[in-house]
Amino acid sequence: IMLYARIVDNKVAEVIDAGDKDINTMFTAELVATMVQDPDGEAVQQSGWDGSKFSAPVPIVPDITEVRLKRWFLLNSSDWTQTNDSQLSESKKTEWKVYRQALRDVPASYPDHTWPTEPS
């Protein structure tokens, strides 16, 4: 079994198991040029690559559009907590209000944001 890591922007984009086949017959020359052998199976998706060795996976940072979409979904999913006919106590409504404000504040701290914890 021969493993290859396809490198894009100094990160492993995918790990390819070529088995006992020649990758030059399986892929285009352009794609093969982006691959490095991984005989020890060290590479995982998003591992770093410095030209000679693999490093720990590089965290994926979502773009601001993805962050705003998640925030919109979480706000939309919790709208019911602020309606007049909600069965929540006033203290629970306040907890949800604080949570919702924290959601609104998330984009201001992008990309170092942390998602608030939903009230129980």
PDB file of N, CA and C in Angstrom:
ATOM      1  N   ILE A   1       0.852  -1.184   0.000  1.00  0.00           N
ATOM      2  CA  ILE A   1       0.000   0.000   0.000  1.00  0.00           C
ATOM      3  C   ILE A   1       0.891   1.238   0.000  1.00  0.00           C
ATOM      4  N   MET A   2       0.585   2.164  -0.873  1.00  0.00           N
ATOM      5  CA  MET A   2       1.324   3.423  -0.892  1.00  0.00           C
ATOM      6  C   MET A   2       0.332   4.564  -0.702  1.00  0.00           C
ATOM      7  N   LEU A   3       0.611   5.373   0.305  1.00  0.00           N
ATOM      8  CA  LEU A   3      -0.224   6.531   0.595  1.00  0.00           C
ATOM      9  C   LEU A   3       0.441   7.788   0.062  1.00  0.00           C
ATOM     10  N   TYR A   4      -0.402   8.684  -0.410  1.00  0.00           N
ATOM     11  CA  TYR A   4       0.064   9.983  -0.888  1.00  0.00           C
ATOM     12  C   TYR A   4      -0.794  11.056  -0.237  1.00  0.00           C
ATOM     13  N   ALA A   5      -0.194  12.189  -0.003  1.00  0.00           N
ATOM     14  CA  ALA A   5      -0.928  13.348   0.498  1.00  0.00           C
ATOM     15  C   ALA A   5      -0.938  14.390  -0.609  1.00  0.00           C
ATOM     16  N   ARG A   6      -2.130  14.876  -0.932  1.00  0.00           N
ATOM     17  CA  ARG A   6      -2.235  15.954  -1.919  1.00  0.00           C
ATOM     18  C   ARG A   6      -2.140  17.265  -1.161  1.00  0.00           C
ATOM     19  N   ILE A   7      -1.173  18.087  -1.526  1.00  0.00           N
ATOM     20  CA  ILE A   7      -0.865  19.318  -0.800  1.00  0.00           C
ATOM     21  C   ILE A   7      -1.433  20.526  -1.538  1.00  0.00           C
ATOM     22  N   VAL A   8      -2.159  21.360  -0.812  1.00  0.00           N
ATOM     23  CA  VAL A   8      -2.675  22.628  -1.332  1.00  0.00           C
ATOM     24  C   VAL A   8      -2.407  23.686  -0.268  1.00  0.00           C
ATOM     25  N   ASP A   9      -1.726  24.748  -0.639  1.00  0.00           N
ATOM     26  CA  ASP A   9      -1.405  25.840   0.293  1.00  0.00           C
ATOM     27  C   ASP A   9      -0.706  25.336   1.560  1.00  0.00           C
ATOM     28  N   ASN A  10       0.254  24.429   1.387  1.00  0.00           N
ATOM     29  CA  ASN A  10       1.046  23.878   2.497  1.00  0.00           C
ATOM     30  C   ASN A  10       0.214  23.114   3.525  1.00  0.00           C
ATOM     31  N   LYS A  11      -0.933  22.586   3.080  1.00  0.00           N
ATOM     32  CA  LYS A  11      -1.778  21.754   3.939  1.00  0.00           C
ATOM     33  C   LYS A  11      -2.196  20.521   3.156  1.00  0.00           C
ATOM     34  N   VAL A  12      -2.457  19.443   3.875  1.00  0.00           N
ATOM     35  CA  VAL A  12      -2.942  18.220   3.243  1.00  0.00           C
ATOM     36  C   VAL A  12      -4.418  18.409   2.910  1.00  0.00           C
ATOM     37  N   ALA A  13      -4.722  18.389   1.618  1.00  0.00           N
ATOM     38  CA  ALA A  13      -6.106  18.518   1.172  1.00  0.00           C
ATOM     39  C   ALA A  13      -6.813  17.169   1.223  1.00  0.00           C
ATOM     40  N   GLU A  14      -6.064  16.097   0.944  1.00  0.00           N
ATOM     41  CA  GLU A  14      -6.627  14.749   1.032  1.00  0.00           C
ATOM     42  C   GLU A  14      -5.503  13.731   1.074  1.00  0.00           C
ATOM     43  N   VAL A  15      -5.830  12.567   1.624  1.00  0.00           N
ATOM     44  CA  VAL A  15      -4.893  11.447   1.660  1.00  0.00           C
ATOM     45  C   VAL A  15      -5.402  10.423   0.655  1.00  0.00           C
ATOM     46  N   ILE A  16      -4.513   9.971  -0.206  1.00  0.00           N
ATOM     47  CA  ILE A  16      -4.892   9.056  -1.283  1.00  0.00           C
ATOM     48  C   ILE A  16      -4.168   7.731  -1.090  1.00  0.00           C
ATOM     49  N   ASP A  17      -4.944   6.651  -1.063  1.00  0.00           N
ATOM     50  CA  ASP A  17      -4.381   5.303  -0.989  1.00  0.00           C
ATOM     51  C   ASP A  17      -4.301   4.780  -2.423  1.00  0.00           C
ATOM     52  N   ALA A  18      -3.096   4.709  -2.959  1.00  0.00           N
ATOM     53  CA  ALA A  18      -2.913   4.256  -4.337  1.00  0.00           C
ATOM     54  C   ALA A  18      -2.782   2.737  -4.423  1.00  0.00           C
ATOM     55  N   GLY A  19      -2.774   2.081  -3.274  1.00  0.00           N
ATOM     56  CA  GLY A  19      -2.594   0.634  -3.289  1.00  0.00           C
ATOM     57  C   GLY A  19      -1.249   0.299  -3.897  1.00  0.00           C
ATOM     58  N   ASP A  20      -1.236  -0.618  -4.839  1.00  0.00           N
ATOM     59  CA  ASP A  20       0.024  -0.960  -5.510  1.00  0.00           C
ATOM     60  C   ASP A  20       0.080  -0.384  -6.928  1.00  0.00           C
ATOM     61  N   LYS A  21      -0.782   0.599  -7.205  1.00  0.00           N
ATOM     62  CA  LYS A  21      -0.846   1.196  -8.540  1.00  0.00           C
ATOM     63  C   LYS A  21       0.087   2.396  -8.647  1.00  0.00           C
ATOM     64  N   ASP A  22       0.468   2.697  -9.867  1.00  0.00           N
ATOM     65  CA  ASP A  22       1.305   3.858 -10.156  1.00  0.00           C
ATOM     66  C   ASP A  22       0.399   5.082 -10.257  1.00  0.00           C
ATOM     67  N   ILE A  23       0.632   6.077  -9.407  1.00  0.00           N
ATOM     68  CA  ILE A  23      -0.249   7.259  -9.416  1.00  0.00           C
ATOM     69  C   ILE A  23      -0.183   8.012 -10.738  1.00  0.00           C
ATOM     70  N   ASN A  24       0.910   7.849 -11.467  1.00  0.00           N
ATOM     71  CA  ASN A  24       1.043   8.527 -12.758  1.00  0.00           C
ATOM     72  C   ASN A  24       0.055   8.000 -13.793  1.00  0.00           C
ATOM     73  N   THR A  25      -0.436   6.784 -13.591  1.00  0.00           N
ATOM     74  CA  THR A  25      -1.441   6.235 -14.503  1.00  0.00           C
ATOM     75  C   THR A  25      -2.855   6.486 -13.986  1.00  0.00           C
ATOM     76  N   MET A  26      -2.960   6.904 -12.741  1.00  0.00           N
ATOM     77  CA  MET A  26      -4.274   7.131 -12.127  1.00  0.00           C
ATOM     78  C   MET A  26      -4.734   8.583 -12.221  1.00  0.00           C
ATOM     79  N   PHE A  27      -3.776   9.511 -12.232  1.00  0.00           N
ATOM     80  CA  PHE A  27      -4.099  10.935 -12.141  1.00  0.00           C
ATOM     81  C   PHE A  27      -3.346  11.727 -13.198  1.00  0.00           C
ATOM     82  N   THR A  28      -3.798  12.939 -13.426  1.00  0.00           N
ATOM     83  CA  THR A  28      -3.110  13.822 -14.366  1.00  0.00           C
ATOM     84  C   THR A  28      -1.767  14.253 -13.782  1.00  0.00           C
ATOM     85  N   ALA A  29      -0.875  14.672 -14.655  1.00  0.00           N
ATOM     86  CA  ALA A  29       0.449  15.133 -14.214  1.00  0.00           C
ATOM     87  C   ALA A  29       0.326  16.331 -13.277  1.00  0.00           C
ATOM     88  N   GLU A  30      -0.644  17.206 -13.541  1.00  0.00           N
ATOM     89  CA  GLU A  30      -0.846  18.378 -12.682  1.00  0.00           C
ATOM     90  C   GLU A  30      -1.230  17.958 -11.261  1.00  0.00           C
ATOM     91  N   LEU A  31      -2.091  16.962 -11.149  1.00  0.00           N
ATOM     92  CA  LEU A  31      -2.508  16.491  -9.826  1.00  0.00           C
ATOM     93  C   LEU A  31      -1.363  15.753  -9.128  1.00  0.00           C
ATOM     94  N   VAL A  32      -0.655  14.923  -9.864  1.00  0.00           N
ATOM     95  CA  VAL A  32       0.476  14.182  -9.288  1.00  0.00           C
ATOM     96  C   VAL A  32       1.527  15.148  -8.751  1.00  0.00           C
ATOM     97  N   ALA A  33       1.685  16.279  -9.419  1.00  0.00           N
ATOM     98  CA  ALA A  33       2.678  17.272  -8.985  1.00  0.00           C
ATOM     99  C   ALA A  33       2.346  17.858  -7.618  1.00  0.00           C
ATOM    100  N   THR A  34       1.094  17.731  -7.176  1.00  0.00           N
ATOM    101  CA  THR A  34       0.688  18.262  -5.867  1.00  0.00           C
ATOM    102  C   THR A  34       0.759  17.210  -4.771  1.00  0.00           C
ATOM    103  N   MET A  35       1.204  15.998  -5.116  1.00  0.00           N
ATOM    104  CA  MET A  35       1.223  14.890  -4.154  1.00  0.00           C
ATOM    105  C   MET A  35       2.625  14.612  -3.622  1.00  0.00           C
ATOM    106  N   VAL A  36       2.667  14.175  -2.367  1.00  0.00           N
ATOM    107  CA  VAL A  36       3.919  13.699  -1.773  1.00  0.00           C
ATOM    108  C   VAL A  36       3.661  12.323  -1.176  1.00  0.00           C
ATOM    109  N   GLN A  37       4.675  11.483  -1.206  1.00  0.00           N
ATOM    110  CA  GLN A  37       4.536  10.151  -0.616  1.00  0.00           C
ATOM    111  C   GLN A  37       4.432  10.266   0.896  1.00  0.00           C
ATOM    112  N   ASP A  38       3.622   9.377   1.460  1.00  0.00           N
ATOM    113  CA  ASP A  38       3.448   9.320   2.911  1.00  0.00           C
ATOM    114  C   ASP A  38       3.585   7.861   3.347  1.00  0.00           C
ATOM    115  N   PRO A  39       4.798   7.304   3.284  1.00  0.00           N
ATOM    116  CA  PRO A  39       4.983   5.878   3.565  1.00  0.00           C
ATOM    117  C   PRO A  39       4.641   5.474   4.994  1.00  0.00           C
ATOM    118  N   ASP A  40       4.731   6.409   5.935  1.00  0.00           N
ATOM    119  CA  ASP A  40       4.444   6.084   7.331  1.00  0.00           C
ATOM    120  C   ASP A  40       3.002   6.379   7.729  1.00  0.00           C
ATOM    121  N   GLY A  41       2.200   6.886   6.813  1.00  0.00           N
ATOM    122  CA  GLY A  41       0.800   7.181   7.111  1.00  0.00           C
ATOM    123  C   GLY A  41       0.622   8.283   8.137  1.00  0.00           C
ATOM    124  N   GLU A  42       1.491   9.276   8.120  1.00  0.00           N
ATOM    125  CA  GLU A  42       1.435  10.372   9.097  1.00  0.00           C
ATOM    126  C   GLU A  42       0.398  11.437   8.760  1.00  0.00           C
ATOM    127  N   ALA A  43       0.125  11.600   7.485  1.00  0.00           N
ATOM    128  CA  ALA A  43      -0.732  12.706   7.049  1.00  0.00           C
ATOM    129  C   ALA A  43      -2.202  12.440   7.351  1.00  0.00           C
ATOM    130  N   VAL A  44      -2.867  13.478   7.788  1.00  0.00           N
ATOM    131  CA  VAL A  44      -4.322  13.489   7.900  1.00  0.00           C
ATOM    132  C   VAL A  44      -4.781  14.786   7.250  1.00  0.00           C
ATOM    133  N   GLN A  45      -6.039  14.830   6.888  1.00  0.00           N
ATOM    134  CA  GLN A  45      -6.545  16.033   6.242  1.00  0.00           C
ATOM    135  C   GLN A  45      -6.278  17.253   7.115  1.00  0.00           C
ATOM    136  N   GLN A  46      -5.815  18.322   6.511  1.00  0.00           N
ATOM    137  CA  GLN A  46      -5.466  19.596   7.138  1.00  0.00           C
ATOM    138  C   GLN A  46      -4.136  19.573   7.887  1.00  0.00           C
ATOM    139  N   SER A  47      -3.366  18.452   7.795  1.00  0.00           N
ATOM    140  CA  SER A  47      -2.008  18.471   8.353  1.00  0.00           C
ATOM    141  C   SER A  47      -1.209  19.540   7.628  1.00  0.00           C
ATOM    142  N   GLY A  48      -0.281  20.137   8.337  1.00  0.00           N
ATOM    143  CA  GLY A  48       0.615  21.082   7.685  1.00  0.00           C
ATOM    144  C   GLY A  48       1.703  20.335   6.927  1.00  0.00           C
ATOM    145  N   TRP A  49       2.298  20.974   5.925  1.00  0.00           N
ATOM    146  CA  TRP A  49       3.397  20.391   5.162  1.00  0.00           C
ATOM    147  C   TRP A  49       4.421  21.487   4.916  1.00  0.00           C
ATOM    148  N   ASP A  50       5.660  21.271   5.386  1.00  0.00           N
ATOM    149  CA  ASP A  50       6.694  22.302   5.243  1.00  0.00           C
ATOM    150  C   ASP A  50       7.666  22.008   4.106  1.00  0.00           C
ATOM    151  N   GLY A  51       7.347  21.022   3.288  1.00  0.00           N
ATOM    152  CA  GLY A  51       8.221  20.657   2.179  1.00  0.00           C
ATOM    153  C   GLY A  51       9.032  19.410   2.457  1.00  0.00           C
ATOM    154  N   SER A  52       9.090  19.011   3.748  1.00  0.00           N
ATOM    155  CA  SER A  52       9.831  17.795   4.080  1.00  0.00           C
ATOM    156  C   SER A  52       9.133  16.929   5.125  1.00  0.00           C
ATOM    157  N   LYS A  53       8.256  17.529   5.927  1.00  0.00           N
ATOM    158  CA  LYS A  53       7.565  16.720   6.944  1.00  0.00           C
ATOM    159  C   LYS A  53       6.169  17.289   7.228  1.00  0.00           C
ATOM    160  N   PHE A  54       5.333  16.410   7.799  1.00  0.00           N
ATOM    161  CA  PHE A  54       3.970  16.790   8.159  1.00  0.00           C
ATOM    162  C   PHE A  54       3.949  17.333   9.581  1.00  0.00           C
ATOM    163  N   SER A  55       3.001  18.200   9.854  1.00  0.00           N
ATOM    164  CA  SER A  55       2.816  18.728  11.208  1.00  0.00           C
ATOM    165  C   SER A  55       1.356  18.546  11.605  1.00  0.00           C
ATOM    166  N   ALA A  56       1.045  18.916  12.825  1.00  0.00           N
ATOM    167  CA  ALA A  56      -0.321  18.764  13.341  1.00  0.00           C
ATOM    168  C   ALA A  56      -1.319  19.451  12.408  1.00  0.00           C
ATOM    169  N   PRO A  57      -2.547  18.947  12.362  1.00  0.00           N
ATOM    170  CA  PRO A  57      -3.556  19.565  11.502  1.00  0.00           C
ATOM    171  C   PRO A  57      -3.730  21.054  11.791  1.00  0.00           C
ATOM    172  N   VAL A  58      -3.906  21.803  10.733  1.00  0.00           N
ATOM    173  CA  VAL A  58      -4.127  23.242  10.825  1.00  0.00           C
ATOM    174  C   VAL A  58      -5.628  23.456  10.983  1.00  0.00           C
ATOM    175  N   PRO A  59      -6.056  24.157  12.041  1.00  0.00           N
ATOM    176  CA  PRO A  59      -7.494  24.355  12.230  1.00  0.00           C
ATOM    177  C   PRO A  59      -8.107  25.113  11.052  1.00  0.00           C
ATOM    178  N   ILE A  60      -9.308  24.722  10.718  1.00  0.00           N
ATOM    179  CA  ILE A  60     -10.043  25.398   9.654  1.00  0.00           C
ATOM    180  C   ILE A  60     -10.760  26.591  10.270  1.00  0.00           C
ATOM    181  N   VAL A  61     -10.516  27.768   9.739  1.00  0.00           N
ATOM    182  CA  VAL A  61     -11.185  28.978  10.226  1.00  0.00           C
ATOM    183  C   VAL A  61     -12.323  29.287   9.260  1.00  0.00           C
ATOM    184  N   PRO A  62     -13.567  29.236   9.744  1.00  0.00           N
ATOM    185  CA  PRO A  62     -14.684  29.542   8.846  1.00  0.00           C
ATOM    186  C   PRO A  62     -14.640  31.011   8.430  1.00  0.00           C
ATOM    187  N   ASP A  63     -15.124  31.294   7.226  1.00  0.00           N
ATOM    188  CA  ASP A  63     -15.137  32.700   6.827  1.00  0.00           C
ATOM    189  C   ASP A  63     -16.304  33.405   7.516  1.00  0.00           C
ATOM    190  N   ILE A  64     -16.300  34.724   7.479  1.00  0.00           N
ATOM    191  CA  ILE A  64     -17.286  35.525   8.212  1.00  0.00           C
ATOM    192  C   ILE A  64     -18.708  35.227   7.747  1.00  0.00           C
ATOM    193  N   THR A  65     -18.882  34.873   6.485  1.00  0.00           N
ATOM    194  CA  THR A  65     -20.219  34.538   5.984  1.00  0.00           C
ATOM    195  C   THR A  65     -20.753  33.287   6.674  1.00  0.00           C
ATOM    196  N   GLU A  66     -19.896  32.283   6.863  1.00  0.00           N
ATOM    197  CA  GLU A  66     -20.310  31.059   7.559  1.00  0.00           C
ATOM    198  C   GLU A  66     -20.649  31.353   9.017  1.00  0.00           C
ATOM    199  N   VAL A  67     -19.863  32.218   9.643  1.00  0.00           N
ATOM    200  CA  VAL A  67     -20.116  32.593  11.037  1.00  0.00           C
ATOM    201  C   VAL A  67     -21.468  33.299  11.145  1.00  0.00           C
ATOM    202  N   ARG A  68     -21.712  34.230  10.250  1.00  0.00           N
ATOM    203  CA  ARG A  68     -22.992  34.958  10.286  1.00  0.00           C
ATOM    204  C   ARG A  68     -24.172  34.039  10.005  1.00  0.00           C
ATOM    205  N   LEU A  69     -24.002  33.073   9.120  1.00  0.00           N
ATOM    206  CA  LEU A  69     -25.072  32.126   8.822  1.00  0.00           C
ATOM    207  C   LEU A  69     -25.393  31.270  10.046  1.00  0.00           C
ATOM    208  N   LYS A  70     -24.362  30.786  10.728  1.00  0.00           N
ATOM    209  CA  LYS A  70     -24.594  29.997  11.945  1.00  0.00           C
ATOM    210  C   LYS A  70     -25.271  30.860  13.007  1.00  0.00           C
ATOM    211  N   ARG A  71     -24.804  32.092  13.151  1.00  0.00           N
ATOM    212  CA  ARG A  71     -25.403  33.005  14.131  1.00  0.00           C
ATOM    213  C   ARG A  71     -26.876  33.236  13.805  1.00  0.00           C
ATOM    214  N   TRP A  72     -27.180  33.478  12.535  1.00  0.00           N
ATOM    215  CA  TRP A  72     -28.573  33.689  12.118  1.00  0.00           C
ATOM    216  C   TRP A  72     -29.415  32.467  12.473  1.00  0.00           C
ATOM    217  N   PHE A  73     -28.897  31.270  12.192  1.00  0.00           N
ATOM    218  CA  PHE A  73     -29.626  30.046  12.493  1.00  0.00           C
ATOM    219  C   PHE A  73     -29.898  29.925  13.993  1.00  0.00           C
ATOM    220  N   LEU A  74     -28.880  30.184  14.814  1.00  0.00           N
ATOM    221  CA  LEU A  74     -29.049  30.070  16.272  1.00  0.00           C
ATOM    222  C   LEU A  74     -30.016  31.125  16.806  1.00  0.00           C
ATOM    223  N   LEU A  75     -29.947  32.333  16.280  1.00  0.00           N
ATOM    224  CA  LEU A  75     -30.902  33.374  16.692  1.00  0.00           C
ATOM    225  C   LEU A  75     -32.315  32.995  16.273  1.00  0.00           C
ATOM    226  N   ASN A  76     -32.454  32.558  15.036  1.00  0.00           N
ATOM    227  CA  ASN A  76     -33.765  32.174  14.522  1.00  0.00           C
ATOM    228  C   ASN A  76     -34.357  31.019  15.328  1.00  0.00           C
ATOM    229  N   SER A  77     -33.503  30.075  15.713  1.00  0.00           N
ATOM    230  CA  SER A  77     -33.962  28.909  16.479  1.00  0.00           C
ATOM    231  C   SER A  77     -34.360  29.259  17.909  1.00  0.00           C
ATOM    232  N   SER A  78     -33.933  30.422  18.374  1.00  0.00           N
ATOM    233  CA  SER A  78     -34.257  30.805  19.754  1.00  0.00           C
ATOM    234  C   SER A  78     -35.234  31.981  19.831  1.00  0.00           C
ATOM    235  N   ASP A  79     -35.788  32.389  18.706  1.00  0.00           N
ATOM    236  CA  ASP A  79     -36.766  33.488  18.708  1.00  0.00           C
ATOM    237  C   ASP A  79     -37.925  33.217  19.666  1.00  0.00           C
ATOM    238  N   TRP A  80     -38.367  31.988  19.725  1.00  0.00           N
ATOM    239  CA  TRP A  80     -39.519  31.621  20.542  1.00  0.00           C
ATOM    240  C   TRP A  80     -39.328  31.979  22.016  1.00  0.00           C
ATOM    241  N   THR A  81     -38.086  32.071  22.463  1.00  0.00           N
ATOM    242  CA  THR A  81     -37.827  32.331  23.888  1.00  0.00           C
ATOM    243  C   THR A  81     -38.201  33.750  24.292  1.00  0.00           C
ATOM    244  N   GLN A  82     -38.365  34.633  23.319  1.00  0.00           N
ATOM    245  CA  GLN A  82     -38.621  36.037  23.626  1.00  0.00           C
ATOM    246  C   GLN A  82     -40.054  36.471  23.323  1.00  0.00           C
ATOM    247  N   THR A  83     -40.904  35.531  22.951  1.00  0.00           N
ATOM    248  CA  THR A  83     -42.291  35.895  22.652  1.00  0.00           C
ATOM    249  C   THR A  83     -43.089  36.068  23.939  1.00  0.00           C
ATOM    250  N   ASN A  84     -44.129  36.869  23.847  1.00  0.00           N
ATOM    251  CA  ASN A  84     -44.965  37.143  25.024  1.00  0.00           C
ATOM    252  C   ASN A  84     -45.662  35.898  25.559  1.00  0.00           C
ATOM    253  N   ASP A  85     -45.986  34.968  24.690  1.00  0.00           N
ATOM    254  CA  ASP A  85     -46.706  33.771  25.145  1.00  0.00           C
ATOM    255  C   ASP A  85     -45.776  32.591  25.448  1.00  0.00           C
ATOM    256  N   SER A  86     -44.491  32.856  25.597  1.00  0.00           N
ATOM    257  CA  SER A  86     -43.534  31.807  25.949  1.00  0.00           C
ATOM    258  C   SER A  86     -43.821  31.303  27.365  1.00  0.00           C
ATOM    259  N   GLN A  87     -43.622  30.019  27.582  1.00  0.00           N
ATOM    260  CA  GLN A  87     -43.850  29.397  28.890  1.00  0.00           C
ATOM    261  C   GLN A  87     -42.652  29.568  29.832  1.00  0.00           C
ATOM    262  N   LEU A  88     -41.619  30.257  29.385  1.00  0.00           N
ATOM    263  CA  LEU A  88     -40.420  30.431  30.208  1.00  0.00           C
ATOM    264  C   LEU A  88     -40.653  31.441  31.330  1.00  0.00           C
ATOM    265  N   SER A  89     -39.980  31.206  32.446  1.00  0.00           N
ATOM    266  CA  SER A  89     -40.021  32.177  33.545  1.00  0.00           C
ATOM    267  C   SER A  89     -39.248  33.422  33.117  1.00  0.00           C
ATOM    268  N   GLU A  90     -39.439  34.504  33.842  1.00  0.00           N
ATOM    269  CA  GLU A  90     -38.731  35.747  33.504  1.00  0.00           C
ATOM    270  C   GLU A  90     -37.217  35.569  33.621  1.00  0.00           C
ATOM    271  N   SER A  91     -36.770  34.797  34.620  1.00  0.00           N
ATOM    272  CA  SER A  91     -35.322  34.595  34.766  1.00  0.00           C
ATOM    273  C   SER A  91     -34.760  33.791  33.588  1.00  0.00           C
ATOM    274  N   LYS A  92     -35.514  32.794  33.117  1.00  0.00           N
ATOM    275  CA  LYS A  92     -35.067  32.017  31.954  1.00  0.00           C
ATOM    276  C   LYS A  92     -35.078  32.883  30.697  1.00  0.00           C
ATOM    277  N   LYS A  93     -36.106  33.725  30.561  1.00  0.00           N
ATOM    278  CA  LYS A  93     -36.153  34.633  29.410  1.00  0.00           C
ATOM    279  C   LYS A  93     -34.928  35.549  29.413  1.00  0.00           C
ATOM    280  N   THR A  94     -34.536  35.996  30.598  1.00  0.00           N
ATOM    281  CA  THR A  94     -33.362  36.864  30.715  1.00  0.00           C
ATOM    282  C   THR A  94     -32.095  36.109  30.312  1.00  0.00           C
ATOM    283  N   GLU A  95     -31.975  34.844  30.732  1.00  0.00           N
ATOM    284  CA  GLU A  95     -30.817  34.029  30.330  1.00  0.00           C
ATOM    285  C   GLU A  95     -30.735  33.929  28.808  1.00  0.00           C
ATOM    286  N   TRP A  96     -31.883  33.690  28.190  1.00  0.00           N
ATOM    287  CA  TRP A  96     -31.926  33.584  26.736  1.00  0.00           C
ATOM    288  C   TRP A  96     -31.618  34.927  26.075  1.00  0.00           C
ATOM    289  N   LYS A  97     -32.080  35.993  26.688  1.00  0.00           N
ATOM    290  CA  LYS A  97     -31.809  37.326  26.145  1.00  0.00           C
ATOM    291  C   LYS A  97     -30.298  37.605  26.146  1.00  0.00           C
ATOM    292  N   VAL A  98     -29.625  37.245  27.232  1.00  0.00           N
ATOM    293  CA  VAL A  98     -28.173  37.422  27.335  1.00  0.00           C
ATOM    294  C   VAL A  98     -27.465  36.556  26.281  1.00  0.00           C
ATOM    295  N   TYR A  99     -27.918  35.321  26.137  1.00  0.00           N
ATOM    296  CA  TYR A  99     -27.356  34.408  25.133  1.00  0.00           C
ATOM    297  C   TYR A  99     -27.510  34.986  23.729  1.00  0.00           C
ATOM    298  N   ARG A 100     -28.697  35.483  23.432  1.00  0.00           N
ATOM    299  CA  ARG A 100     -28.962  36.035  22.102  1.00  0.00           C
ATOM    300  C   ARG A 100     -28.104  37.276  21.833  1.00  0.00           C
ATOM    301  N   GLN A 101     -27.882  38.083  22.857  1.00  0.00           N
ATOM    302  CA  GLN A 101     -27.016  39.247  22.668  1.00  0.00           C
ATOM    303  C   GLN A 101     -25.577  38.800  22.413  1.00  0.00           C
ATOM    304  N   ALA A 102     -25.153  37.761  23.126  1.00  0.00           N
ATOM    305  CA  ALA A 102     -23.804  37.230  22.903  1.00  0.00           C
ATOM    306  C   ALA A 102     -23.663  36.709  21.466  1.00  0.00           C
ATOM    307  N   LEU A 103     -24.725  36.103  20.933  1.00  0.00           N
ATOM    308  CA  LEU A 103     -24.704  35.666  19.535  1.00  0.00           C
ATOM    309  C   LEU A 103     -24.546  36.860  18.597  1.00  0.00           C
ATOM    310  N   ARG A 104     -25.272  37.933  18.885  1.00  0.00           N
ATOM    311  CA  ARG A 104     -25.178  39.131  18.038  1.00  0.00           C
ATOM    312  C   ARG A 104     -23.771  39.729  18.068  1.00  0.00           C
ATOM    313  N   ASP A 105     -23.067  39.540  19.183  1.00  0.00           N
ATOM    314  CA  ASP A 105     -21.727  40.102  19.338  1.00  0.00           C
ATOM    315  C   ASP A 105     -20.621  39.249  18.698  1.00  0.00           C
ATOM    316  N   VAL A 106     -20.934  38.024  18.301  1.00  0.00           N
ATOM    317  CA  VAL A 106     -19.915  37.110  17.771  1.00  0.00           C
ATOM    318  C   VAL A 106     -19.128  37.706  16.594  1.00  0.00           C
ATOM    319  N   PRO A 107     -19.768  38.276  15.576  1.00  0.00           N
ATOM    320  CA  PRO A 107     -18.980  38.779  14.442  1.00  0.00           C
ATOM    321  C   PRO A 107     -17.958  39.855  14.815  1.00  0.00           C
ATOM    322  N   ALA A 108     -18.213  40.597  15.873  1.00  0.00           N
ATOM    323  CA  ALA A 108     -17.283  41.663  16.274  1.00  0.00           C
ATOM    324  C   ALA A 108     -15.932  41.104  16.719  1.00  0.00           C
ATOM    325  N   SER A 109     -15.911  39.855  17.199  1.00  0.00           N
ATOM    326  CA  SER A 109     -14.646  39.268  17.659  1.00  0.00           C
ATOM    327  C   SER A 109     -14.062  38.273  16.649  1.00  0.00           C
ATOM    328  N   TYR A 110     -14.662  38.191  15.459  1.00  0.00           N
ATOM    329  CA  TYR A 110     -14.161  37.304  14.410  1.00  0.00           C
ATOM    330  C   TYR A 110     -12.743  37.703  14.029  1.00  0.00           C
ATOM    331  N   PRO A 111     -11.811  36.795  13.820  1.00  0.00           N
ATOM    332  CA  PRO A 111     -11.961  35.341  13.774  1.00  0.00           C
ATOM    333  C   PRO A 111     -11.677  34.645  15.103  1.00  0.00           C
ATOM    334  N   ASP A 112     -11.467  35.423  16.163  1.00  0.00           N
ATOM    335  CA  ASP A 112     -11.163  34.837  17.474  1.00  0.00           C
ATOM    336  C   ASP A 112     -12.406  34.635  18.324  1.00  0.00           C
ATOM    337  N   HIS A 113     -13.532  34.476  17.676  1.00  0.00           N
ATOM    338  CA  HIS A 113     -14.806  34.361  18.384  1.00  0.00           C
ATOM    339  C   HIS A 113     -14.938  33.014  19.100  1.00  0.00           C
ATOM    340  N   THR A 114     -15.775  33.012  20.129  1.00  0.00           N
ATOM    341  CA  THR A 114     -16.195  31.769  20.769  1.00  0.00           C
ATOM    342  C   THR A 114     -17.712  31.811  20.806  1.00  0.00           C
ATOM    343  N   TRP A 115     -18.305  30.674  20.591  1.00  0.00           N
ATOM    344  CA  TRP A 115     -19.762  30.613  20.583  1.00  0.00           C
ATOM    345  C   TRP A 115     -20.277  30.534  22.015  1.00  0.00           C
ATOM    346  N   PRO A 116     -21.295  31.340  22.344  1.00  0.00           N
ATOM    347  CA  PRO A 116     -21.863  31.273  23.690  1.00  0.00           C
ATOM    348  C   PRO A 116     -22.594  29.948  23.898  1.00  0.00           C
ATOM    349  N   THR A 117     -22.732  29.571  25.149  1.00  0.00           N
ATOM    350  CA  THR A 117     -23.434  28.336  25.492  1.00  0.00           C
ATOM    351  C   THR A 117     -24.916  28.617  25.635  1.00  0.00           C
ATOM    352  N   GLU A 118     -25.704  27.811  24.959  1.00  0.00           N
ATOM    353  CA  GLU A 118     -27.160  27.955  25.012  1.00  0.00           C
ATOM    354  C   GLU A 118     -27.648  27.650  26.428  1.00  0.00           C
ATOM    355  N   PRO A 119     -28.566  28.471  26.953  1.00  0.00           N
ATOM    356  CA  PRO A 119     -29.108  28.189  28.293  1.00  0.00           C
ATOM    357  C   PRO A 119     -29.803  26.829  28.329  1.00  0.00           C
ATOM    358  N   SER A 120     -29.802  26.228  29.498  1.00  0.00           N
ATOM    359  CA  SER A 120     -30.447  24.907  29.621  1.00  0.00           C
ATOM    360  C   SER A 120     -31.906  25.052  29.962  1.00  0.00           C
TER     361      SER A 120
END
